[in-house]
Amino acid sequence: MILDTSMWIWLPLSLAIIFAFVDKTRLSIVLVIISLIGGLIENRLNIIGLTTLLVGLAIAYKTPSLERKWQLGSYLFILLWCVVLFLHLIPGFGNAKVLDSVIAGPQSIPFTMYLNLDKPFIFFGLLLAYPAILGSKATFNYKAILFSAIPLFALLPFAWQLGALQPEFTMPYWWWLFSLNNLLLTCTAEEAFFRGFVQQSLSKRFGWIVGVAAASLLFGIAHFNGGLLLVSFATLAGVGYGLIYHYSSRLWVTVLFHFLFNLAHLLFFTYPIMK
């Protein structure tokens, strides 16, 4: 692990995400500000990066109150803003490499992980522009959630049968850092965008089946760097996450299942793939 004193800036950022989920808005804002100031002080963020975040957040904040004729353009801007943050295309962010070519197990390929300062702000931007991403709390179908989770987790042994993974029971020394990063910074941003925003907005307009299908396909395409097989599996996993979001009506539930799927992959199979 590569840790230094600048790592503290991700603590208030992570806490801000947690407090946002429980409607502690003011506290969440204070923690975000602390994280941004810390990023500047620790040279993890420069003026370009800060300006990109502030402009995006400001437009997101104004979007719900805009006249309908202006909202479409504003949402398209937010969509583009999220994509460039997701792909790390904006300069000015010193994302921290905390794992450098580490090995989860003897059959696994080397794995590198960053603590990102740009991608987590997708969650905050979408929360301002489209507060409904947290869910409506309209329903919580336990049985349907369970039946959706079973085929989701079955994707791991299925990948084994296809030769992409191999069973490998390990708990690497960095599992806790992986877990915190994956749960709070990675899964939250991805689920906020693909399920909370894309799936939910399309579901309201075209029905939930279209919403789940479209969001899942986009989620798969987002993993294009891993090749066609990963795109296919990510799409299928996206269907599982989408169904769980649909039947739970709560973003935190699908974030949790997304994280548990990734954790099961790390602990019980070669990660990220076999040699």
Protein backbone atom coordinates (compact mmCIF):
# COMPACT_ATOMS: atom_id res chain seq x y z
CA MET A 1 0.00 0.00 0.00
CA ILE A 2 1.10 3.53 -0.78
CA LEU A 3 -0.28 5.85 1.90
CA ASP A 4 0.83 9.35 2.85
CA THR A 5 -0.40 12.26 4.94
CA SER A 6 -2.56 13.64 2.11
CA MET A 7 -4.89 10.65 2.42
CA TRP A 8 -6.89 12.45 5.12
CA ILE A 9 -8.83 14.44 2.50
CA TRP A 10 -10.76 11.32 1.53
CA LEU A 11 -12.06 10.91 5.09
CA PRO A 12 -14.35 13.99 5.10
CA LEU A 13 -15.33 13.17 1.51
CA SER A 14 -16.39 9.64 2.51
CA LEU A 15 -18.26 10.94 5.55
CA ALA A 16 -20.01 13.51 3.36
CA ILE A 17 -21.34 10.68 1.19
CA ILE A 18 -22.62 8.79 4.24
CA PHE A 19 -24.35 11.86 5.67
CA ALA A 20 -25.90 12.67 2.29
CA PHE A 21 -27.60 9.26 2.35
CA VAL A 22 -29.23 10.06 5.71
CA ASP A 23 -30.35 13.58 4.71
CA LYS A 24 -27.78 15.44 6.82
CA THR A 25 -27.34 17.97 4.03
CA ARG A 26 -25.61 20.80 5.88
CA LEU A 27 -23.10 18.50 7.51
CA SER A 28 -22.43 16.84 4.17
CA ILE A 29 -21.77 20.23 2.53
CA VAL A 30 -19.35 21.24 5.30
CA LEU A 31 -17.43 17.99 4.88
CA VAL A 32 -17.27 18.42 1.10
CA ILE A 33 -15.84 21.92 1.56
CA ILE A 34 -13.24 20.59 4.00
CA SER A 35 -12.26 17.91 1.50
CA LEU A 36 -11.92 20.43 -1.34
CA ILE A 37 -9.84 22.84 0.74
CA GLY A 38 -7.72 19.91 1.87
CA GLY A 39 -7.27 18.85 -1.74
CA LEU A 40 -5.89 22.29 -2.59
CA ILE A 41 -3.60 22.34 0.43
CA GLU A 42 -2.28 18.83 -0.25
CA ASN A 43 -1.84 19.48 -3.99
CA ARG A 44 -4.36 16.79 -4.85
CA LEU A 45 -6.54 19.40 -6.56
CA ASN A 46 -5.69 22.52 -8.55
CA ILE A 47 -7.73 25.50 -9.76
CA ILE A 48 -8.78 23.76 -12.98
CA GLY A 49 -10.12 20.75 -11.11
CA LEU A 50 -11.79 22.90 -8.45
CA THR A 51 -13.42 25.13 -11.07
CA THR A 52 -14.72 22.08 -12.95
CA LEU A 53 -16.32 20.75 -9.78
CA LEU A 54 -17.79 24.06 -8.65
CA VAL A 55 -19.28 24.91 -12.05
CA GLY A 56 -20.83 21.46 -12.32
CA LEU A 57 -22.21 21.55 -8.78
CA ALA A 58 -23.59 25.08 -9.27
CA ILE A 59 -25.42 24.12 -12.47
CA ALA A 60 -26.68 20.95 -10.80
CA TYR A 61 -28.01 22.99 -7.87
CA LYS A 62 -29.93 25.35 -10.19
CA THR A 63 -31.28 22.64 -12.49
CA PRO A 64 -34.41 21.60 -10.52
CA SER A 65 -35.62 25.22 -10.33
CA LEU A 66 -35.12 26.02 -14.03
CA GLU A 67 -38.00 26.38 -16.46
CA ARG A 68 -38.73 23.15 -18.27
CA LYS A 69 -37.38 24.48 -21.59
CA TRP A 70 -33.97 25.06 -19.97
CA GLN A 71 -33.85 21.88 -17.91
CA LEU A 72 -33.07 19.55 -20.82
CA GLY A 73 -29.92 21.47 -21.72
CA SER A 74 -28.91 21.61 -18.08
CA TYR A 75 -29.37 17.86 -17.64
CA LEU A 76 -27.37 17.21 -20.80
CA PHE A 77 -24.55 19.32 -19.36
CA ILE A 78 -24.70 17.38 -16.08
CA LEU A 79 -24.64 14.12 -18.05
CA LEU A 80 -21.51 15.21 -19.93
CA TRP A 81 -19.95 16.50 -16.71
CA CYS A 82 -20.50 13.11 -15.07
CA VAL A 83 -19.01 11.25 -18.03
CA VAL A 84 -15.79 13.30 -18.09
CA LEU A 85 -15.40 12.85 -14.33
CA PHE A 86 -16.10 9.13 -14.66
CA LEU A 87 -13.41 8.80 -17.35
CA HIS A 88 -10.96 11.10 -15.51
CA LEU A 89 -10.69 13.38 -18.55
CA ILE A 90 -10.44 16.67 -16.66
CA PRO A 91 -6.95 17.77 -15.56
CA GLY A 92 -6.36 19.12 -12.10
CA PHE A 93 -7.01 16.03 -9.96
CA GLY A 94 -4.21 14.22 -8.15
CA ASN A 95 -5.93 10.89 -7.68
CA ALA A 96 -3.84 8.81 -5.30
CA LYS A 97 -2.39 5.47 -6.38
CA VAL A 98 -2.69 3.44 -3.18
CA LEU A 99 -2.22 -0.06 -4.60
CA ASP A 100 0.41 -0.57 -7.27
CA SER A 101 0.44 -3.94 -9.06
CA VAL A 102 -0.51 -5.87 -5.93
CA ILE A 103 -1.45 -9.55 -6.10
CA ALA A 104 -4.67 -10.78 -4.50
CA GLY A 105 -3.59 -14.41 -4.84
CA PRO A 106 -1.16 -16.68 -6.70
CA GLN A 107 -3.54 -17.17 -9.65
CA SER A 108 -4.54 -13.50 -9.96
CA ILE A 109 -3.07 -10.86 -12.22
CA PRO A 110 -1.56 -7.66 -10.71
CA PHE A 111 -4.08 -5.07 -9.55
CA THR A 112 -3.70 -1.29 -9.24
CA MET A 113 -6.14 0.96 -7.37
CA TYR A 114 -6.57 4.70 -6.98
CA LEU A 115 -8.44 6.85 -4.50
CA ASN A 116 -10.27 9.17 -6.88
CA LEU A 117 -11.12 12.75 -6.04
CA ASP A 118 -13.06 13.47 -9.23
CA LYS A 119 -15.40 10.50 -9.66
CA PRO A 120 -17.10 10.71 -6.20
CA PHE A 121 -18.46 14.16 -7.09
CA ILE A 122 -20.74 12.50 -9.63
CA PHE A 123 -22.87 11.48 -6.65
CA PHE A 124 -23.07 15.00 -5.24
CA GLY A 125 -23.79 16.59 -8.61
CA LEU A 126 -26.60 14.16 -9.39
CA LEU A 127 -28.03 14.51 -5.90
CA LEU A 128 -28.32 18.27 -6.43
CA ALA A 129 -29.71 18.03 -9.97
CA TYR A 130 -31.93 14.99 -9.44
CA PRO A 131 -32.60 14.40 -5.72
CA ALA A 132 -34.74 11.38 -6.60
CA ILE A 133 -31.58 9.30 -7.14
CA LEU A 134 -31.75 8.23 -3.49
CA GLY A 135 -35.01 6.46 -4.30
CA SER A 136 -38.67 6.93 -3.61
CA LYS A 137 -38.95 4.44 -0.74
CA ALA A 138 -42.22 3.42 -2.38
CA THR A 139 -41.64 -0.30 -2.03
CA PHE A 140 -39.24 -2.86 -0.62
CA ASN A 141 -39.90 -6.29 -2.09
CA TYR A 142 -37.63 -8.61 -0.09
CA LYS A 143 -38.48 -11.70 -2.11
CA ALA A 144 -37.88 -10.03 -5.47
CA ILE A 145 -34.59 -8.57 -4.22
CA LEU A 146 -33.45 -12.04 -3.14
CA PHE A 147 -34.47 -13.61 -6.44
CA SER A 148 -32.58 -10.86 -8.28
CA ALA A 149 -29.46 -11.31 -6.13
CA ILE A 150 -29.18 -15.07 -6.74
CA PRO A 151 -28.48 -14.87 -10.50
CA LEU A 152 -26.34 -11.79 -9.89
CA PHE A 153 -23.92 -13.67 -7.64
CA ALA A 154 -24.18 -16.72 -9.90
CA LEU A 155 -22.28 -14.69 -12.50
CA LEU A 156 -19.05 -15.35 -10.58
CA PRO A 157 -19.11 -19.17 -10.89
CA PHE A 158 -20.42 -18.74 -14.43
CA ALA A 159 -17.32 -16.69 -15.25
CA TRP A 160 -15.29 -19.54 -13.76
CA GLN A 161 -16.93 -22.01 -16.13
CA LEU A 162 -16.02 -19.75 -19.05
CA GLY A 163 -12.39 -19.63 -17.93
CA ALA A 164 -12.27 -15.95 -16.98
CA LEU A 165 -11.98 -16.59 -13.23
CA GLN A 166 -10.72 -19.33 -10.95
CA PRO A 167 -11.79 -20.06 -7.35
CA GLU A 168 -9.19 -18.56 -5.04
CA PHE A 169 -9.92 -18.01 -1.35
CA THR A 170 -7.81 -15.09 -0.19
CA MET A 171 -7.99 -12.08 2.10
CA PRO A 172 -5.19 -9.75 0.98
CA TYR A 173 -3.79 -7.35 3.56
CA TRP A 174 -5.29 -4.43 1.64
CA TRP A 175 -8.87 -5.78 1.66
CA TRP A 176 -10.05 -3.06 4.07
CA LEU A 177 -8.79 -0.24 1.83
CA PHE A 178 -10.34 -1.91 -1.19
CA SER A 179 -13.64 -2.20 0.70
CA LEU A 180 -13.81 1.42 1.82
CA ASN A 181 -12.85 2.73 -1.60
CA ASN A 182 -15.16 0.39 -3.47
CA LEU A 183 -18.19 0.94 -1.26
CA LEU A 184 -18.07 4.69 -0.69
CA LEU A 185 -16.21 6.13 -3.67
CA THR A 186 -16.70 3.70 -6.56
CA CYS A 187 -20.02 1.89 -6.16
CA THR A 188 -21.85 4.95 -4.87
CA ALA A 189 -20.84 7.09 -7.87
CA GLU A 190 -21.59 4.34 -10.38
CA GLU A 191 -24.96 3.42 -8.92
CA ALA A 192 -25.99 7.06 -8.54
CA PHE A 193 -25.33 7.58 -12.24
CA PHE A 194 -26.49 4.34 -13.85
CA ARG A 195 -29.35 3.36 -11.57
CA GLY A 196 -30.32 6.53 -9.71
CA PHE A 197 -30.18 8.85 -12.72
CA VAL A 198 -30.24 6.93 -16.01
CA GLN A 199 -32.46 4.01 -15.02
CA GLN A 200 -34.89 5.99 -12.92
CA SER A 201 -35.35 8.85 -15.40
CA LEU A 202 -35.86 6.45 -18.32
CA SER A 203 -38.18 4.25 -16.25
CA LYS A 204 -40.46 7.20 -15.52
CA ARG A 205 -40.71 7.99 -19.22
CA PHE A 206 -40.63 4.60 -20.94
CA GLY A 207 -41.28 2.02 -18.22
CA TRP A 208 -39.01 0.16 -15.83
CA ILE A 209 -38.00 -2.60 -18.26
CA VAL A 210 -36.57 -0.06 -20.72
CA GLY A 211 -34.92 1.78 -17.83
CA VAL A 212 -33.20 -1.35 -16.50
CA ALA A 213 -32.14 -2.51 -19.97
CA ALA A 214 -30.72 0.84 -21.08
CA ALA A 215 -28.86 1.52 -17.83
CA SER A 216 -27.42 -2.02 -17.83
CA LEU A 217 -26.20 -1.71 -21.41
CA LEU A 218 -24.54 1.63 -20.68
CA PHE A 219 -22.98 0.15 -17.55
CA GLY A 220 -21.53 -2.65 -19.65
CA ILE A 221 -20.19 -0.26 -22.29
CA ALA A 222 -18.50 1.76 -19.53
CA HIS A 223 -16.26 -1.29 -18.97
CA PHE A 224 -15.05 -1.38 -22.59
CA ASN A 225 -11.40 -1.20 -21.52
CA GLY A 226 -11.70 -4.76 -20.20
CA GLY A 227 -12.76 -6.24 -23.53
CA LEU A 228 -15.97 -7.76 -24.86
CA LEU A 229 -16.24 -10.45 -22.18
CA LEU A 230 -16.09 -7.89 -19.36
CA VAL A 231 -18.62 -5.69 -21.17
CA SER A 232 -20.97 -8.67 -21.38
CA PHE A 233 -20.59 -9.59 -17.71
CA ALA A 234 -20.88 -5.97 -16.58
CA THR A 235 -24.09 -5.67 -18.58
CA LEU A 236 -25.53 -8.77 -16.91
CA ALA A 237 -24.41 -7.52 -13.50
CA GLY A 238 -26.06 -4.20 -14.35
CA VAL A 239 -29.34 -6.04 -14.90
CA GLY A 240 -29.01 -7.50 -11.40
CA TYR A 241 -28.25 -4.13 -9.84
CA GLY A 242 -31.07 -2.56 -11.82
CA LEU A 243 -33.62 -5.11 -10.64
CA ILE A 244 -32.49 -4.67 -7.05
CA TYR A 245 -32.87 -0.90 -7.39
CA HIS A 246 -36.31 -1.34 -8.96
CA TYR A 247 -37.57 -3.68 -6.25
CA SER A 248 -36.01 -1.81 -3.31
CA SER A 249 -36.59 1.80 -4.46
CA ARG A 250 -33.45 2.72 -2.50
CA LEU A 251 -30.05 3.64 -3.86
CA TRP A 252 -28.18 2.45 -0.78
CA VAL A 253 -29.49 -1.08 -1.31
CA THR A 254 -28.11 -1.41 -4.82
CA VAL A 255 -24.84 0.24 -3.74
CA LEU A 256 -24.55 -2.40 -1.01
CA PHE A 257 -25.22 -5.31 -3.38
CA HIS A 258 -22.78 -3.89 -5.94
CA PHE A 259 -20.12 -3.73 -3.25
CA LEU A 260 -20.89 -7.21 -1.91
CA PHE A 261 -20.59 -8.63 -5.41
CA ASN A 262 -17.17 -7.01 -5.85
CA LEU A 263 -16.06 -8.14 -2.39
CA ALA A 264 -17.15 -11.73 -3.10
CA HIS A 265 -15.14 -11.56 -6.32
CA LEU A 266 -12.06 -10.43 -4.38
CA LEU A 267 -12.34 -12.95 -1.54
CA PHE A 268 -13.46 -16.09 -3.38
CA PHE A 269 -12.15 -15.80 -6.93
CA THR A 270 -9.10 -14.58 -8.81
CA TYR A 271 -9.16 -10.78 -8.85
CA PRO A 272 -9.53 -9.01 -11.15
CA ILE A 273 -9.08 -12.04 -13.45
CA MET A 274 -6.93 -15.15 -13.53
CA LYS A 275 -3.46 -15.24 -15.07
